Amino acid sequence: MTVLSSHQVPASASSCPERGNASATHAKRRWNIGLPVLLIAAMAVAVTPAKADSFYGVTFTGNTVSGDPHSGTLSGSFVVQVSNTQVPGVPGGYQVTGISGTFTDTSIGLMNAAITGLAPVSGLPTVAANGTFHPTGTDGSIPFTYDDIFYPAGNSPLICPPDIPGNPPGYPFSGGVTDIYGVAFYVAGGTYSVDLWSNGVLQGAAGPLYEVDDATGGTAIHPDVMGKAVPASVSTTPEPGSFVLLGTGLLGFIGVARRRLS
């Protein structure tokens, strides 16, 4: 099914994109004093409940559509760091706070380029009574709307404000680990930016339909063709919590230090 219209609108636009980083003796004495403190700290960190951010692995791949002047494959593999606090008024939505990984666009010879960071947002969205809000992306050089909100359960809601006040939301489909605005990030190798978004579950579709596009110097590399950018398949996997890893790592470090100093 063809997506209704373009996702490629200025980040500042208010309308919805309808579509589709001393001596050994003295040293030993200091360690003997400090080890109990470190041990207590490590145990506290290791058993800290889920107040820390969560991490999710994301992979995607997609081929350009017929008529795209830059034919090739777009793919990526990255880990997003996600706040443990739900975005107020956005069911199932959590703000992305960090990202790392790689991105490829074979059509321009960009291969496994490092993802260098998230595109900035103005903060949490101002959500209307009907649950809709405008995109919060603030980088005007990125030719896509974005809000950097992640939905671990794959249940992104209807968020586009209606074209006419009082009408239903402006984009009628929902679902996916991103919403219609998407998560945007920067890539090394030039002035590259990328946006990954969900068109939701369209009529007759078995699941959410995702799209991805990249830009350089503020110009989209894959302009929408028949309402589509680059369709992509997306998979996600929960990653181990960093605080648990930090705690167990610190315990291991203390064990090594005790052996070396005894």
C-alpha atoms as a PDB file:
ATOM      1  CA  MET A   1       0.000   0.000   0.000  1.00  0.00           C
ATOM      2  CA  THR A   2       1.382   3.401  -0.901  1.00  0.00           C
ATOM      3  CA  VAL A   3       2.168   5.766   1.940  1.00  0.00           C
ATOM      4  CA  LEU A   4       0.011   8.879   1.793  1.00  0.00           C
ATOM      5  CA  SER A   5       2.662  11.546   1.346  1.00  0.00           C
ATOM      6  CA  SER A   6       6.154  12.713   2.250  1.00  0.00           C
ATOM      7  CA  HIS A   7       8.026  12.409   5.533  1.00  0.00           C
ATOM      8  CA  GLN A   8      10.533  14.909   4.214  1.00  0.00           C
ATOM      9  CA  VAL A   9       9.411  18.213   5.646  1.00  0.00           C
ATOM     10  CA  PRO A  10      11.420  20.839   7.530  1.00  0.00           C
ATOM     11  CA  ALA A  11      12.044  19.891  11.144  1.00  0.00           C
ATOM     12  CA  SER A  12      10.417  23.174  12.200  1.00  0.00           C
ATOM     13  CA  ALA A  13       7.163  22.414  10.398  1.00  0.00           C
ATOM     14  CA  SER A  14       4.105  21.979  12.559  1.00  0.00           C
ATOM     15  CA  SER A  15       2.148  19.724  10.211  1.00  0.00           C
ATOM     16  CA  CYS A  16       2.347  15.926  10.265  1.00  0.00           C
ATOM     17  CA  PRO A  17       4.418  14.094   7.650  1.00  0.00           C
ATOM     18  CA  GLU A  18       1.549  12.029   6.310  1.00  0.00           C
ATOM     19  CA  ARG A  19       2.740   8.933   4.465  1.00  0.00           C
ATOM     20  CA  GLY A  20       3.806   6.655   4.230  1.00  0.00           C
ATOM     21  CA  ASN A  21      30.844   9.309  24.464  1.00  0.00           C
ATOM     22  CA  ALA A  22      54.394   6.222  46.737  1.00  0.00           C
ATOM     23  CA  SER A  23      55.722   2.762  47.941  1.00  0.00           C
ATOM     24  CA  ALA A  24      54.088  -0.602  47.386  1.00  0.00           C
ATOM     25  CA  THR A  25      53.418  -0.877  51.135  1.00  0.00           C
ATOM     26  CA  HIS A  26      51.585   2.453  51.171  1.00  0.00           C
ATOM     27  CA  ALA A  27      49.651   1.537  48.044  1.00  0.00           C
ATOM     28  CA  LYS A  28      48.595  -1.748  49.595  1.00  0.00           C
ATOM     29  CA  ARG A  29      47.451  -0.008  52.766  1.00  0.00           C
ATOM     30  CA  ARG A  30      45.344   2.414  50.800  1.00  0.00           C
ATOM     31  CA  TRP A  31      43.743  -0.454  48.872  1.00  0.00           C
ATOM     32  CA  ASN A  32      42.997  -2.354  52.073  1.00  0.00           C
ATOM     33  CA  ILE A  33      41.153   0.690  53.387  1.00  0.00           C
ATOM     34  CA  GLY A  34      39.358   1.370  50.124  1.00  0.00           C
ATOM     35  CA  LEU A  35      38.352  -2.165  49.156  1.00  0.00           C
ATOM     36  CA  PRO A  36      35.431  -2.483  51.596  1.00  0.00           C
ATOM     37  CA  VAL A  37      34.044   0.819  50.364  1.00  0.00           C
ATOM     38  CA  LEU A  38      34.373  -0.253  46.732  1.00  0.00           C
ATOM     39  CA  LEU A  39      32.829  -3.630  47.526  1.00  0.00           C
ATOM     40  CA  ILE A  40      29.800  -2.022  49.140  1.00  0.00           C
ATOM     41  CA  ALA A  41      29.418   0.380  46.197  1.00  0.00           C
ATOM     42  CA  ALA A  42      29.686  -2.442  43.685  1.00  0.00           C
ATOM     43  CA  MET A  43      27.072  -4.531  45.470  1.00  0.00           C
ATOM     44  CA  ALA A  44      24.732  -1.561  45.661  1.00  0.00           C
ATOM     45  CA  VAL A  45      25.112  -0.899  41.931  1.00  0.00           C
ATOM     46  CA  ALA A  46      24.707  -4.542  40.986  1.00  0.00           C
ATOM     47  CA  VAL A  47      21.407  -4.907  42.807  1.00  0.00           C
ATOM     48  CA  THR A  48      19.993  -1.479  41.938  1.00  0.00           C
ATOM     49  CA  PRO A  49      16.477  -1.993  40.510  1.00  0.00           C
ATOM     50  CA  ALA A  50      15.461  -0.819  37.054  1.00  0.00           C
ATOM     51  CA  LYS A  51      15.922   2.898  37.595  1.00  0.00           C
ATOM     52  CA  ALA A  52      18.756   2.984  35.105  1.00  0.00           C
ATOM     53  CA  ASP A  53      18.196   3.614  31.419  1.00  0.00           C
ATOM     54  CA  SER A  54      17.342   0.607  29.250  1.00  0.00           C
ATOM     55  CA  PHE A  55      19.199  -0.478  26.132  1.00  0.00           C
ATOM     56  CA  TYR A  56      17.822  -1.995  22.926  1.00  0.00           C
ATOM     57  CA  GLY A  57      19.636  -3.367  19.926  1.00  0.00           C
ATOM     58  CA  VAL A  58      18.137  -2.301  16.598  1.00  0.00           C
ATOM     59  CA  THR A  59      18.930  -3.598  13.132  1.00  0.00           C
ATOM     60  CA  PHE A  60      17.321  -2.574   9.858  1.00  0.00           C
ATOM     61  CA  THR A  61      17.810  -3.034   6.147  1.00  0.00           C
ATOM     62  CA  GLY A  62      15.984  -1.888   3.048  1.00  0.00           C
ATOM     63  CA  ASN A  63      16.406  -1.489  -0.684  1.00  0.00           C
ATOM     64  CA  THR A  64      15.613   1.663  -2.605  1.00  0.00           C
ATOM     65  CA  VAL A  65      12.417   1.706  -4.657  1.00  0.00           C
ATOM     66  CA  SER A  66      12.112   1.891  -8.416  1.00  0.00           C
ATOM     67  CA  GLY A  67      12.665   5.420  -9.645  1.00  0.00           C
ATOM     68  CA  ASP A  68      15.067   6.411  -6.870  1.00  0.00           C
ATOM     69  CA  PRO A  69      18.018   8.205  -8.527  1.00  0.00           C
ATOM     70  CA  HIS A  70      20.375   6.579  -5.990  1.00  0.00           C
ATOM     71  CA  SER A  71      19.874   2.830  -6.178  1.00  0.00           C
ATOM     72  CA  GLY A  72      21.222   0.671  -3.375  1.00  0.00           C
ATOM     73  CA  THR A  73      20.701  -0.704   0.119  1.00  0.00           C
ATOM     74  CA  LEU A  74      20.400   1.159   3.405  1.00  0.00           C
ATOM     75  CA  SER A  75      21.134  -0.758   6.598  1.00  0.00           C
ATOM     76  CA  GLY A  76      22.147  -0.144  10.165  1.00  0.00           C
ATOM     77  CA  SER A  77      22.951  -1.843  13.424  1.00  0.00           C
ATOM     78  CA  PHE A  78      22.932   0.151  16.626  1.00  0.00           C
ATOM     79  CA  VAL A  79      22.060   0.241  20.315  1.00  0.00           C
ATOM     80  CA  VAL A  80      19.754   2.919  21.669  1.00  0.00           C
ATOM     81  CA  GLN A  81      19.853   4.054  25.274  1.00  0.00           C
ATOM     82  CA  VAL A  82      16.319   4.757  26.444  1.00  0.00           C
ATOM     83  CA  SER A  83      15.080   6.607  29.520  1.00  0.00           C
ATOM     84  CA  ASN A  84      13.282   4.411  32.034  1.00  0.00           C
ATOM     85  CA  THR A  85      10.608   7.095  32.510  1.00  0.00           C
ATOM     86  CA  GLN A  86       7.689   7.093  30.090  1.00  0.00           C
ATOM     87  CA  VAL A  87       7.136  10.295  28.150  1.00  0.00           C
ATOM     88  CA  PRO A  88       4.136  11.974  29.842  1.00  0.00           C
ATOM     89  CA  GLY A  89       1.013  11.628  27.751  1.00  0.00           C
ATOM     90  CA  VAL A  90       2.630   9.274  25.214  1.00  0.00           C
ATOM     91  CA  PRO A  91       1.609   5.675  25.989  1.00  0.00           C
ATOM     92  CA  GLY A  92       4.512   3.247  25.657  1.00  0.00           C
ATOM     93  CA  GLY A  93       6.936   5.988  24.580  1.00  0.00           C
ATOM     94  CA  TYR A  94      10.376   6.574  26.098  1.00  0.00           C
ATOM     95  CA  GLN A  95      12.891   9.240  25.134  1.00  0.00           C
ATOM     96  CA  VAL A  96      16.085   8.013  23.494  1.00  0.00           C
ATOM     97  CA  THR A  97      19.087   9.425  25.352  1.00  0.00           C
ATOM     98  CA  GLY A  98      21.978   7.859  23.461  1.00  0.00           C
ATOM     99  CA  ILE A  99      22.904   5.839  20.399  1.00  0.00           C
ATOM    100  CA  SER A 100      25.939   3.992  19.010  1.00  0.00           C
ATOM    101  CA  GLY A 101      26.499   1.702  16.060  1.00  0.00           C
ATOM    102  CA  THR A 102      27.010   1.805  12.308  1.00  0.00           C
ATOM    103  CA  PHE A 103      25.093   2.815   9.176  1.00  0.00           C
ATOM    104  CA  THR A 104      25.480   1.862   5.509  1.00  0.00           C
ATOM    105  CA  ASP A 105      24.131   3.383   2.306  1.00  0.00           C
ATOM    106  CA  THR A 106      25.643   1.499  -0.629  1.00  0.00           C
ATOM    107  CA  SER A 107      24.172   3.948  -3.135  1.00  0.00           C
ATOM    108  CA  ILE A 108      26.645   6.631  -2.051  1.00  0.00           C
ATOM    109  CA  GLY A 109      29.520   4.368  -0.996  1.00  0.00           C
ATOM    110  CA  LEU A 110      28.958   4.910   2.726  1.00  0.00           C
ATOM    111  CA  MET A 111      29.915   1.611   4.350  1.00  0.00           C
ATOM    112  CA  ASN A 112      29.657   0.770   8.058  1.00  0.00           C
ATOM    113  CA  ALA A 113      30.091   4.407   9.015  1.00  0.00           C
ATOM    114  CA  ALA A 114      30.046   5.128  12.742  1.00  0.00           C
ATOM    115  CA  ILE A 115      26.914   6.650  14.224  1.00  0.00           C
ATOM    116  CA  THR A 116      28.204   9.690  16.085  1.00  0.00           C
ATOM    117  CA  GLY A 117      25.158  10.805  18.086  1.00  0.00           C
ATOM    118  CA  LEU A 118      21.482  11.637  18.285  1.00  0.00           C
ATOM    119  CA  ALA A 119      19.923  14.595  16.535  1.00  0.00           C
ATOM    120  CA  PRO A 120      18.805  17.072  19.226  1.00  0.00           C
ATOM    121  CA  VAL A 121      15.246  17.671  20.400  1.00  0.00           C
ATOM    122  CA  SER A 122      13.754  20.577  22.308  1.00  0.00           C
ATOM    123  CA  GLY A 123      12.751  18.299  25.161  1.00  0.00           C
ATOM    124  CA  LEU A 124       9.655  16.270  25.940  1.00  0.00           C
ATOM    125  CA  PRO A 125       6.716  16.936  23.607  1.00  0.00           C
ATOM    126  CA  THR A 126       3.763  19.064  24.596  1.00  0.00           C
ATOM    127  CA  VAL A 127       0.946  16.559  24.261  1.00  0.00           C
ATOM    128  CA  ALA A 128      -2.594  17.736  23.498  1.00  0.00           C
ATOM    129  CA  ALA A 129      -5.676  16.311  25.207  1.00  0.00           C
ATOM    130  CA  ASN A 130      -6.228  13.995  22.236  1.00  0.00           C
ATOM    131  CA  GLY A 131      -2.706  12.542  22.595  1.00  0.00           C
ATOM    132  CA  THR A 132      -1.197  14.277  19.563  1.00  0.00           C
ATOM    133  CA  PHE A 133       1.899  16.467  19.440  1.00  0.00           C
ATOM    134  CA  HIS A 134       4.236  18.181  17.007  1.00  0.00           C
ATOM    135  CA  PRO A 135       7.747  16.870  16.242  1.00  0.00           C
ATOM    136  CA  THR A 136      10.369  18.065  18.718  1.00  0.00           C
ATOM    137  CA  GLY A 137      13.478  17.932  16.521  1.00  0.00           C
ATOM    138  CA  THR A 138      15.470  21.155  16.565  1.00  0.00           C
ATOM    139  CA  ASP A 139      18.161  20.652  13.906  1.00  0.00           C
ATOM    140  CA  GLY A 140      16.854  22.634  10.956  1.00  0.00           C
ATOM    141  CA  SER A 141      19.555  21.181   8.700  1.00  0.00           C
ATOM    142  CA  ILE A 142      17.882  17.758   8.897  1.00  0.00           C
ATOM    143  CA  PRO A 143      15.161  17.590   6.217  1.00  0.00           C
ATOM    144  CA  PHE A 144      13.023  15.128   8.210  1.00  0.00           C
ATOM    145  CA  THR A 145      10.662  15.386  11.148  1.00  0.00           C
ATOM    146  CA  TYR A 146      11.777  13.480  14.245  1.00  0.00           C
ATOM    147  CA  ASP A 147      11.189  13.227  17.992  1.00  0.00           C
ATOM    148  CA  ASP A 148      13.677  10.537  19.171  1.00  0.00           C
ATOM    149  CA  ILE A 149      10.996   8.546  21.014  1.00  0.00           C
ATOM    150  CA  PHE A 150      11.267   4.754  21.234  1.00  0.00           C
ATOM    151  CA  TYR A 151       8.438   2.301  21.915  1.00  0.00           C
ATOM    152  CA  PRO A 152       9.892  -0.986  23.259  1.00  0.00           C
ATOM    153  CA  ALA A 153       6.566  -2.823  22.952  1.00  0.00           C
ATOM    154  CA  GLY A 154       6.172  -1.760  19.316  1.00  0.00           C
ATOM    155  CA  ASN A 155       2.971   0.118  20.090  1.00  0.00           C
ATOM    156  CA  SER A 156       3.578   3.683  18.934  1.00  0.00           C
ATOM    157  CA  PRO A 157       0.232   5.584  19.096  1.00  0.00           C
ATOM    158  CA  LEU A 158      -1.527   8.075  16.837  1.00  0.00           C
ATOM    159  CA  ILE A 159       0.373  11.300  17.460  1.00  0.00           C
ATOM    160  CA  CYS A 160      -0.128  13.604  14.482  1.00  0.00           C
ATOM    161  CA  PRO A 161      -2.251  16.684  15.246  1.00  0.00           C
ATOM    162  CA  PRO A 162      -5.371  16.941  13.071  1.00  0.00           C
ATOM    163  CA  ASP A 163      -5.220  19.194  10.027  1.00  0.00           C
ATOM    164  CA  ILE A 164      -8.408  20.837  11.279  1.00  0.00           C
ATOM    165  CA  PRO A 165      -8.951  21.346  15.038  1.00  0.00           C
ATOM    166  CA  GLY A 166     -11.473  18.884  16.376  1.00  0.00           C
ATOM    167  CA  ASN A 167     -10.882  16.350  13.622  1.00  0.00           C
ATOM    168  CA  PRO A 168      -9.239  12.929  14.121  1.00  0.00           C
ATOM    169  CA  PRO A 169      -5.416  12.767  14.197  1.00  0.00           C
ATOM    170  CA  GLY A 170      -3.763  13.827  10.979  1.00  0.00           C
ATOM    171  CA  TYR A 171      -2.169  10.437  10.256  1.00  0.00           C
ATOM    172  CA  PRO A 172      -4.489   7.460  10.816  1.00  0.00           C
ATOM    173  CA  PHE A 173      -2.004   4.599  11.348  1.00  0.00           C
ATOM    174  CA  SER A 174       0.042   3.602  14.387  1.00  0.00           C
ATOM    175  CA  GLY A 175       2.364   0.875  15.640  1.00  0.00           C
ATOM    176  CA  GLY A 176       6.107   0.247  15.648  1.00  0.00           C
ATOM    177  CA  VAL A 177       9.153   0.824  17.839  1.00  0.00           C
ATOM    178  CA  THR A 178       9.334   4.324  16.398  1.00  0.00           C
ATOM    179  CA  ASP A 179       6.457   6.613  15.496  1.00  0.00           C
ATOM    180  CA  ILE A 180       5.659   8.563  12.342  1.00  0.00           C
ATOM    181  CA  TYR A 181       8.286  11.197  13.221  1.00  0.00           C
ATOM    182  CA  GLY A 182      11.101   8.772  13.976  1.00  0.00           C
ATOM    183  CA  VAL A 183      14.544   8.639  15.560  1.00  0.00           C
ATOM    184  CA  ALA A 184      17.237  10.736  13.873  1.00  0.00           C
ATOM    185  CA  PHE A 185      21.000  10.466  14.231  1.00  0.00           C
ATOM    186  CA  TYR A 186      24.284  11.630  12.739  1.00  0.00           C
ATOM    187  CA  VAL A 187      26.824   9.532  10.835  1.00  0.00           C
ATOM    188  CA  ALA A 188      30.558  10.018  10.368  1.00  0.00           C
ATOM    189  CA  GLY A 189      32.071  10.641   6.946  1.00  0.00           C
ATOM    190  CA  GLY A 190      30.467  13.979   6.142  1.00  0.00           C
ATOM    191  CA  THR A 191      27.403  16.000   7.052  1.00  0.00           C
ATOM    192  CA  TYR A 192      25.214  12.899   7.131  1.00  0.00           C
ATOM    193  CA  SER A 193      21.975  12.527   9.051  1.00  0.00           C
ATOM    194  CA  VAL A 194      19.567   9.585   9.087  1.00  0.00           C
ATOM    195  CA  ASP A 195      15.947   9.194  10.151  1.00  0.00           C
ATOM    196  CA  LEU A 196      14.203   5.864  10.845  1.00  0.00           C
ATOM    197  CA  TRP A 197      10.435   6.041  11.280  1.00  0.00           C
ATOM    198  CA  SER A 198       7.322   3.859  11.284  1.00  0.00           C
ATOM    199  CA  ASN A 199       4.342   4.318   9.019  1.00  0.00           C
ATOM    200  CA  GLY A 200       2.373   2.136  11.410  1.00  0.00           C
ATOM    201  CA  VAL A 201       0.283  -0.889  10.519  1.00  0.00           C
ATOM    202  CA  LEU A 202      -1.424  -0.032   7.243  1.00  0.00           C
ATOM    203  CA  GLN A 203      -4.594  -1.758   6.105  1.00  0.00           C
ATOM    204  CA  GLY A 204      -3.841  -5.331   5.151  1.00  0.00           C
ATOM    205  CA  ALA A 205      -0.302  -5.259   6.543  1.00  0.00           C
ATOM    206  CA  ALA A 206       0.877  -7.946   8.952  1.00  0.00           C
ATOM    207  CA  GLY A 207       2.928  -5.491  10.986  1.00  0.00           C
ATOM    208  CA  PRO A 208       4.381  -1.982  11.052  1.00  0.00           C
ATOM    209  CA  LEU A 209       5.926  -0.660   7.859  1.00  0.00           C
ATOM    210  CA  TYR A 210       9.152   1.236   8.429  1.00  0.00           C
ATOM    211  CA  GLU A 211      11.054   3.649   6.250  1.00  0.00           C
ATOM    212  CA  VAL A 212      14.520   5.150   6.433  1.00  0.00           C
ATOM    213  CA  ASP A 213      16.224   7.992   4.634  1.00  0.00           C
ATOM    214  CA  ASP A 214      19.516   9.805   4.910  1.00  0.00           C
ATOM    215  CA  ALA A 215      20.628  13.291   3.993  1.00  0.00           C
ATOM    216  CA  THR A 216      23.827  15.188   3.420  1.00  0.00           C
ATOM    217  CA  GLY A 217      24.198  18.927   3.741  1.00  0.00           C
ATOM    218  CA  GLY A 218      20.482  19.199   4.534  1.00  0.00           C
ATOM    219  CA  THR A 219      19.346  17.506   1.321  1.00  0.00           C
ATOM    220  CA  ALA A 220      17.614  14.119   1.331  1.00  0.00           C
ATOM    221  CA  ILE A 221      19.517  11.520  -0.670  1.00  0.00           C
ATOM    222  CA  HIS A 222      16.430   9.419  -1.417  1.00  0.00           C
ATOM    223  CA  PRO A 223      13.491  11.709  -2.197  1.00  0.00           C
ATOM    224  CA  ASP A 224      10.076  10.146  -1.759  1.00  0.00           C
ATOM    225  CA  VAL A 225       9.010   8.225  -4.844  1.00  0.00           C
ATOM    226  CA  MET A 226       5.264   7.542  -5.010  1.00  0.00           C
ATOM    227  CA  GLY A 227       5.026   8.444  -1.337  1.00  0.00           C
ATOM    228  CA  LYS A 228       7.904   6.216  -0.266  1.00  0.00           C
ATOM    229  CA  ALA A 229      11.493   6.825   0.799  1.00  0.00           C
ATOM    230  CA  VAL A 230      13.342   3.540   1.487  1.00  0.00           C
ATOM    231  CA  PRO A 231      11.132   0.782   2.978  1.00  0.00           C
ATOM    232  CA  ALA A 232      12.979  -1.129   5.698  1.00  0.00           C
ATOM    233  CA  SER A 233      12.577  -4.217   7.849  1.00  0.00           C
ATOM    234  CA  VAL A 234      13.399  -3.618  11.507  1.00  0.00           C
ATOM    235  CA  SER A 235      14.175  -5.934  14.416  1.00  0.00           C
ATOM    236  CA  THR A 236      14.895  -5.085  18.051  1.00  0.00           C
ATOM    237  CA  THR A 237      16.470  -6.947  20.977  1.00  0.00           C
ATOM    238  CA  PRO A 238      16.690  -5.875  24.642  1.00  0.00           C
ATOM    239  CA  GLU A 239      20.297  -5.410  25.738  1.00  0.00           C
ATOM    240  CA  PRO A 240      21.767  -6.045  29.232  1.00  0.00           C
ATOM    241  CA  GLY A 241      21.391  -3.133  31.641  1.00  0.00           C
ATOM    242  CA  SER A 242      24.563  -1.076  31.926  1.00  0.00           C
ATOM    243  CA  PHE A 243      24.292  -0.742  35.703  1.00  0.00           C
ATOM    244  CA  VAL A 244      24.200  -4.487  36.211  1.00  0.00           C
ATOM    245  CA  LEU A 245      27.241  -4.817  33.973  1.00  0.00           C
ATOM    246  CA  LEU A 246      28.963  -1.980  35.794  1.00  0.00           C
ATOM    247  CA  GLY A 247      28.319  -3.624  39.140  1.00  0.00           C
ATOM    248  CA  THR A 248      29.559  -7.051  38.122  1.00  0.00           C
ATOM    249  CA  GLY A 249      32.528  -5.509  36.346  1.00  0.00           C
ATOM    250  CA  LEU A 250      33.481  -3.551  39.428  1.00  0.00           C
ATOM    251  CA  LEU A 251      33.261  -6.694  41.552  1.00  0.00           C
ATOM    252  CA  GLY A 252      35.603  -8.449  39.149  1.00  0.00           C
ATOM    253  CA  PHE A 253      38.000  -5.506  39.218  1.00  0.00           C
ATOM    254  CA  ILE A 254      38.093  -5.587  43.017  1.00  0.00           C
ATOM    255  CA  GLY A 255      38.880  -9.310  42.956  1.00  0.00           C
ATOM    256  CA  VAL A 256      41.827  -8.727  40.628  1.00  0.00           C
ATOM    257  CA  ALA A 257      43.069  -5.820  42.701  1.00  0.00           C
ATOM    258  CA  ARG A 258      42.900  -7.877  45.918  1.00  0.00           C
ATOM    259  CA  ARG A 259      44.916 -10.709  44.340  1.00  0.00           C
ATOM    260  CA  ARG A 260      47.563  -8.324  43.030  1.00  0.00           C
ATOM    261  CA  LEU A 261      47.963  -6.514  46.335  1.00  0.00           C
ATOM    262  CA  SER A 262      48.002  -9.513  48.666  1.00  0.00           C
END
